[in-house]
Amino acid sequence: MNVFEKKGAGHHIKNIFIYAILIFFTFMALYPLFWLFISSFKTTQEYQLTSKLAFPQQWWPKNYSDAWVRGDFTTLFFNSIVYTAVSTFAILICSVAAGFAFAKLKSKATNFFYKSFVIGILITLQCIMIPLFFMANWTGLYDTRLGVIICYIGIGMPMGVYLATEYIKSIPDSLIESARIDGAPFMKIFTDIIFPMAKPVGVTLAIITITGTWNEFMLVNILASSEKIKSLPVGVQKFSGALASDFGKQYAALMISIIPIIIFYLIFRKQITKGVAAGAVKG
């Protein structure tokens, strides 16, 4: 009996230790957001003169309206939505289609083209920013939404093709062979069999693309010179200068840019969890 009691006590101590670690990491993840939230309601003077960790002495919600108007966030918000939605849709469709071809439609050129795509994972954005700038100039796509979107799609494709190909390899060849025997063309096989079965990796790829494109700053700042083409992260920079910064409005602008991602996670958290888990296990 004492042995069972000791095992039970050890089990409870282990659970307490695990929950303590989880609570600690949860606090570490959420506290920066909480700090940013309360700081966005402070004036710049209060932020500089009082404790950075203190609650606002006077809540100043006008920071949000001022940040929205002064930053022209209506235009920037629209641009970010367009860039994120179009890039995610194109990368998802093209990656799964390419993954289907590389994984199931074998030919002499398949291995070469697959490696040509995947090697792009090793190329960092910093290495290709200048070539992309010159290419956008030469093709007349500089300072256009289309130019920004094409670059986002090109940068996102290597990882997308790699994930989709490795996942689709695990789909049984017998399904495709049965469909071919029944006379189904490859496009029908892709739309009715491959794409629905690739939903888990599609969710994973969508998460990567949405968060990466929404938060992207450097590339759009280089490819766009006019304010009407830039995205939301660039607008946040307007409130930070070399000599002075408007901290209250800057933090309000940051909150405005973060809120859509938080809402996205809260709405699709179950699908995100299932997609990532299924993609990790299957792939």
Protein backbone atom coordinates (compact mmCIF):
# COMPACT_ATOMS: atom_id res chain seq x y z
CA MET A 1 0.00 0.00 0.00
CA ASN A 2 2.84 2.34 0.81
CA VAL A 3 4.36 1.60 -2.59
CA PHE A 4 1.18 2.72 -4.37
CA GLU A 5 0.98 5.81 -2.21
CA LYS A 6 4.56 6.67 -3.09
CA LYS A 7 3.84 6.15 -6.80
CA GLY A 8 0.72 8.30 -6.51
CA ALA A 9 2.62 11.08 -4.75
CA GLY A 10 5.38 10.93 -7.37
CA HIS A 11 2.80 11.12 -10.15
CA HIS A 12 1.21 14.22 -8.59
CA ILE A 13 4.60 15.90 -8.16
CA LYS A 14 5.43 15.16 -11.80
CA ASN A 15 2.12 16.68 -12.96
CA ILE A 16 2.66 19.77 -10.80
CA PHE A 17 6.13 20.21 -12.30
CA ILE A 18 4.81 19.84 -15.86
CA TYR A 19 1.97 22.31 -15.29
CA ALA A 20 4.38 24.78 -13.67
CA ILE A 21 6.58 24.68 -16.78
CA LEU A 22 3.55 25.10 -19.09
CA ILE A 23 2.25 28.05 -17.05
CA PHE A 24 5.70 29.66 -17.10
CA PHE A 25 6.05 29.41 -20.88
CA THR A 26 2.46 30.58 -21.38
CA PHE A 27 3.21 33.64 -19.26
CA MET A 28 6.41 34.30 -21.22
CA ALA A 29 4.46 34.13 -24.49
CA LEU A 30 1.47 36.25 -23.42
CA TYR A 31 3.10 38.91 -21.26
CA PRO A 32 4.79 40.76 -24.17
CA LEU A 33 1.39 41.06 -25.86
CA PHE A 34 -0.15 42.30 -22.62
CA TRP A 35 2.66 44.82 -22.15
CA LEU A 36 2.27 46.04 -25.73
CA PHE A 37 -1.48 46.40 -25.20
CA ILE A 38 -1.22 48.58 -22.07
CA SER A 39 1.65 50.61 -23.57
CA SER A 40 -0.48 51.42 -26.61
CA PHE A 41 -2.81 53.41 -24.34
CA LYS A 42 -0.04 55.64 -22.95
CA THR A 43 1.05 59.01 -24.25
CA THR A 44 4.68 59.33 -25.28
CA GLN A 45 5.37 61.64 -22.33
CA GLU A 46 3.91 59.17 -19.83
CA TYR A 47 5.79 56.29 -21.41
CA GLN A 48 9.11 58.12 -21.10
CA LEU A 49 8.59 59.54 -17.61
CA THR A 50 6.94 56.64 -15.77
CA SER A 51 7.75 52.98 -15.30
CA LYS A 52 7.61 50.99 -18.53
CA LEU A 53 5.80 48.17 -16.71
CA ALA A 54 3.16 50.34 -15.04
CA PHE A 55 -0.46 50.65 -16.15
CA PRO A 56 -1.40 53.93 -17.85
CA GLN A 57 -2.26 56.68 -15.38
CA GLN A 58 -4.71 57.93 -17.98
CA TRP A 59 -5.88 55.60 -20.73
CA TRP A 60 -5.45 57.22 -24.13
CA PRO A 61 -7.47 55.31 -26.78
CA LYS A 62 -6.99 58.18 -29.24
CA ASN A 63 -3.62 56.60 -30.08
CA TYR A 64 -5.44 54.05 -32.22
CA SER A 65 -7.48 56.50 -34.27
CA ASP A 66 -4.46 58.81 -34.70
CA ALA A 67 -2.25 55.89 -35.74
CA TRP A 68 -4.85 54.68 -38.23
CA VAL A 69 -5.29 58.11 -39.85
CA ARG A 70 -1.67 59.29 -39.77
CA GLY A 71 -0.38 55.95 -40.96
CA ASP A 72 -3.00 55.69 -43.74
CA PHE A 73 -3.76 52.22 -42.46
CA THR A 74 -6.86 51.85 -44.63
CA THR A 75 -4.65 51.58 -47.73
CA LEU A 76 -1.92 49.59 -45.99
CA PHE A 77 -4.45 47.17 -44.48
CA PHE A 78 -5.99 46.58 -47.90
CA ASN A 79 -2.57 45.95 -49.44
CA SER A 80 -1.59 43.47 -46.71
CA ILE A 81 -4.84 41.54 -47.17
CA VAL A 82 -4.37 41.41 -50.95
CA TYR A 83 -0.71 40.35 -50.73
CA THR A 84 -1.43 37.69 -48.11
CA ALA A 85 -4.59 36.25 -49.69
CA VAL A 86 -3.34 36.10 -53.29
CA SER A 87 0.13 34.82 -52.35
CA THR A 88 -1.26 32.13 -50.04
CA PHE A 89 -3.80 30.92 -52.61
CA ALA A 90 -1.24 30.81 -55.45
CA ILE A 91 1.48 29.14 -53.37
CA LEU A 92 -0.96 26.54 -52.03
CA ILE A 93 -2.37 25.56 -55.45
CA CYS A 94 0.96 25.64 -57.29
CA SER A 95 2.88 23.81 -54.55
CA VAL A 96 0.39 20.94 -54.28
CA ALA A 97 0.20 20.67 -58.08
CA ALA A 98 3.99 20.61 -58.39
CA GLY A 99 4.22 18.18 -55.47
CA PHE A 100 1.79 15.85 -57.24
CA ALA A 101 3.89 15.94 -60.40
CA PHE A 102 7.20 15.43 -58.60
CA ALA A 103 5.90 12.67 -56.31
CA LYS A 104 3.72 10.63 -58.65
CA LEU A 105 4.45 11.53 -62.28
CA LYS A 106 7.97 10.23 -62.70
CA SER A 107 10.11 11.21 -65.68
CA LYS A 108 13.76 11.86 -66.47
CA ALA A 109 13.38 15.58 -65.75
CA THR A 110 11.41 15.20 -62.50
CA ASN A 111 14.40 14.86 -60.19
CA PHE A 112 16.20 17.82 -61.81
CA PHE A 113 13.23 20.18 -61.56
CA TYR A 114 12.46 19.07 -58.01
CA LYS A 115 16.01 19.82 -56.85
CA SER A 116 15.88 23.15 -58.69
CA PHE A 117 12.86 24.13 -56.60
CA VAL A 118 14.09 22.79 -53.28
CA ILE A 119 17.51 24.46 -53.51
CA GLY A 120 15.65 27.75 -53.17
CA ILE A 121 15.14 26.97 -49.47
CA LEU A 122 18.86 27.57 -48.95
CA ILE A 123 18.75 31.03 -50.55
CA THR A 124 18.04 33.78 -48.03
CA LEU A 125 16.00 36.87 -48.83
CA GLN A 126 18.98 39.13 -48.13
CA CYS A 127 20.93 37.44 -50.95
CA ILE A 128 18.34 38.13 -53.63
CA MET A 129 16.93 41.53 -52.67
CA ILE A 130 19.19 43.49 -55.04
CA PRO A 131 18.63 41.13 -58.02
CA LEU A 132 14.88 41.25 -57.38
CA PHE A 133 15.00 45.06 -57.32
CA PHE A 134 16.77 45.19 -60.72
CA MET A 135 14.48 42.54 -62.22
CA ALA A 136 11.40 44.45 -61.06
CA ASN A 137 12.80 47.59 -62.69
CA TRP A 138 13.63 45.88 -65.97
CA THR A 139 10.22 44.22 -66.27
CA GLY A 140 8.25 47.32 -65.30
CA LEU A 141 6.90 45.67 -62.16
CA TYR A 142 8.61 48.00 -59.70
CA ASP A 143 6.20 49.84 -57.41
CA THR A 144 3.26 47.67 -58.44
CA ARG A 145 1.15 45.25 -56.42
CA LEU A 146 1.66 42.59 -59.08
CA GLY A 147 5.44 42.83 -58.73
CA VAL A 148 5.25 42.40 -54.96
CA ILE A 149 2.87 39.43 -55.25
CA ILE A 150 5.02 37.65 -57.85
CA CYS A 151 8.09 37.98 -55.62
CA TYR A 152 6.18 36.65 -52.59
CA ILE A 153 4.98 33.65 -54.59
CA GLY A 154 8.46 32.93 -55.91
CA ILE A 155 9.99 33.10 -52.43
CA GLY A 156 7.29 30.88 -50.90
CA MET A 157 7.30 28.19 -53.58
CA PRO A 158 10.50 26.27 -52.62
CA MET A 159 9.30 25.42 -49.12
CA GLY A 160 5.79 24.77 -50.41
CA VAL A 161 6.98 22.37 -53.12
CA TYR A 162 9.20 20.52 -50.66
CA LEU A 163 6.43 20.04 -48.06
CA ALA A 164 3.81 19.07 -50.64
CA THR A 165 6.07 16.62 -52.47
CA GLU A 166 7.19 14.83 -49.32
CA TYR A 167 3.59 14.55 -48.10
CA ILE A 168 2.09 13.37 -51.41
CA LYS A 169 4.75 10.63 -51.63
CA SER A 170 2.96 8.94 -48.72
CA ILE A 171 -0.34 8.74 -50.65
CA PRO A 172 -0.70 5.18 -52.04
CA ASP A 173 0.04 4.83 -55.75
CA SER A 174 -2.84 2.36 -56.00
CA LEU A 175 -5.36 5.19 -55.67
CA ILE A 176 -3.93 6.95 -58.70
CA GLU A 177 -3.61 3.72 -60.67
CA SER A 178 -7.25 2.82 -59.94
CA ALA A 179 -8.39 6.26 -61.10
CA ARG A 180 -6.32 5.97 -64.29
CA ILE A 181 -7.84 2.54 -65.01
CA ASP A 182 -11.30 4.12 -64.65
CA GLY A 183 -10.28 6.67 -67.28
CA ALA A 184 -9.80 9.70 -65.02
CA PRO A 185 -7.41 12.33 -66.43
CA PHE A 186 -4.59 13.67 -64.26
CA MET A 187 -6.42 16.94 -63.63
CA LYS A 188 -9.43 15.02 -62.31
CA ILE A 189 -7.13 12.92 -60.10
CA PHE A 190 -5.51 16.08 -58.75
CA THR A 191 -8.77 17.89 -57.94
CA ASP A 192 -10.74 14.91 -56.61
CA ILE A 193 -8.06 12.78 -54.91
CA ILE A 194 -4.72 14.51 -54.35
CA PHE A 195 -5.83 17.98 -53.31
CA PRO A 196 -8.43 16.83 -50.72
CA MET A 197 -5.98 14.29 -49.25
CA ALA A 198 -3.27 16.97 -49.07
CA LYS A 199 -5.39 19.15 -46.77
CA PRO A 200 -3.11 18.66 -43.69
CA VAL A 201 0.02 19.83 -45.49
CA GLY A 202 -2.05 22.58 -47.12
CA VAL A 203 -3.02 23.91 -43.69
CA THR A 204 0.61 23.83 -42.58
CA LEU A 205 1.71 25.65 -45.73
CA ALA A 206 -1.08 28.22 -45.35
CA ILE A 207 0.02 29.00 -41.77
CA ILE A 208 3.62 29.53 -42.87
CA THR A 209 2.63 31.70 -45.83
CA ILE A 210 -0.01 33.81 -44.08
CA THR A 211 2.15 34.68 -41.08
CA GLY A 212 5.27 35.22 -43.20
CA THR A 213 3.60 37.43 -45.81
CA TRP A 214 1.57 39.46 -43.31
CA ASN A 215 4.67 40.29 -41.24
CA GLU A 216 7.08 40.76 -44.16
CA PHE A 217 8.85 44.13 -44.13
CA MET A 218 12.12 44.23 -46.08
CA LEU A 219 11.04 43.06 -49.53
CA VAL A 220 7.93 45.23 -49.88
CA ASN A 221 9.92 48.20 -48.62
CA ILE A 222 12.41 47.69 -51.47
CA LEU A 223 9.97 46.86 -54.25
CA ALA A 224 7.55 49.72 -53.48
CA SER A 225 8.34 53.42 -53.22
CA SER A 226 4.83 54.88 -53.09
CA GLU A 227 2.75 54.65 -49.93
CA LYS A 228 -0.24 53.22 -51.80
CA ILE A 229 1.70 50.02 -52.60
CA LYS A 230 3.34 49.36 -49.22
CA SER A 231 1.95 47.03 -46.55
CA LEU A 232 1.05 47.28 -42.88
CA PRO A 233 4.47 46.50 -41.31
CA VAL A 234 5.99 49.39 -43.29
CA GLY A 235 3.34 51.74 -41.93
CA VAL A 236 4.38 50.98 -38.35
CA GLN A 237 7.81 52.43 -39.16
CA LYS A 238 6.28 55.85 -39.76
CA PHE A 239 6.03 56.44 -36.01
CA SER A 240 9.71 55.72 -35.36
CA GLY A 241 12.33 58.30 -36.30
CA ALA A 242 16.08 58.73 -35.90
CA LEU A 243 15.71 61.53 -33.35
CA ALA A 244 12.33 60.86 -31.77
CA SER A 245 9.57 58.27 -31.68
CA ASP A 246 5.88 58.56 -30.90
CA PHE A 247 5.76 55.49 -28.68
CA GLY A 248 2.04 55.53 -27.90
CA LYS A 249 0.99 55.64 -31.54
CA GLN A 250 3.76 53.24 -32.53
CA TYR A 251 2.55 50.61 -30.07
CA ALA A 252 -1.04 51.22 -31.17
CA ALA A 253 0.06 50.65 -34.77
CA LEU A 254 1.78 47.43 -33.73
CA MET A 255 -1.39 46.24 -32.02
CA ILE A 256 -3.40 47.01 -35.15
CA SER A 257 -1.01 44.89 -37.22
CA ILE A 258 -1.00 42.01 -34.70
CA ILE A 259 -4.77 41.79 -34.06
CA PRO A 260 -5.64 40.14 -37.46
CA ILE A 261 -3.11 37.34 -36.86
CA ILE A 262 -4.50 36.77 -33.36
CA ILE A 263 -8.06 36.66 -34.72
CA PHE A 264 -6.91 34.26 -37.46
CA TYR A 265 -5.47 31.92 -34.85
CA LEU A 266 -8.51 32.10 -32.56
CA ILE A 267 -10.90 31.28 -35.41
CA PHE A 268 -8.87 28.49 -37.01
CA ARG A 269 -6.95 27.17 -33.99
CA LYS A 270 -8.53 23.69 -34.19
CA GLN A 271 -7.85 23.37 -37.91
CA ILE A 272 -4.31 24.67 -37.40
CA THR A 273 -3.58 22.15 -34.64
CA LYS A 274 -5.03 19.23 -36.61
CA GLY A 275 -3.26 20.27 -39.81
CA VAL A 276 0.15 20.66 -38.23
CA ALA A 277 -0.16 17.40 -36.26
CA ALA A 278 -1.37 15.41 -39.27
CA GLY A 279 1.27 16.92 -41.54
CA ALA A 280 4.04 16.15 -39.08
CA VAL A 281 2.96 12.54 -38.53
CA LYS A 282 2.16 11.71 -42.15
CA GLY A 283 5.05 13.55 -43.76
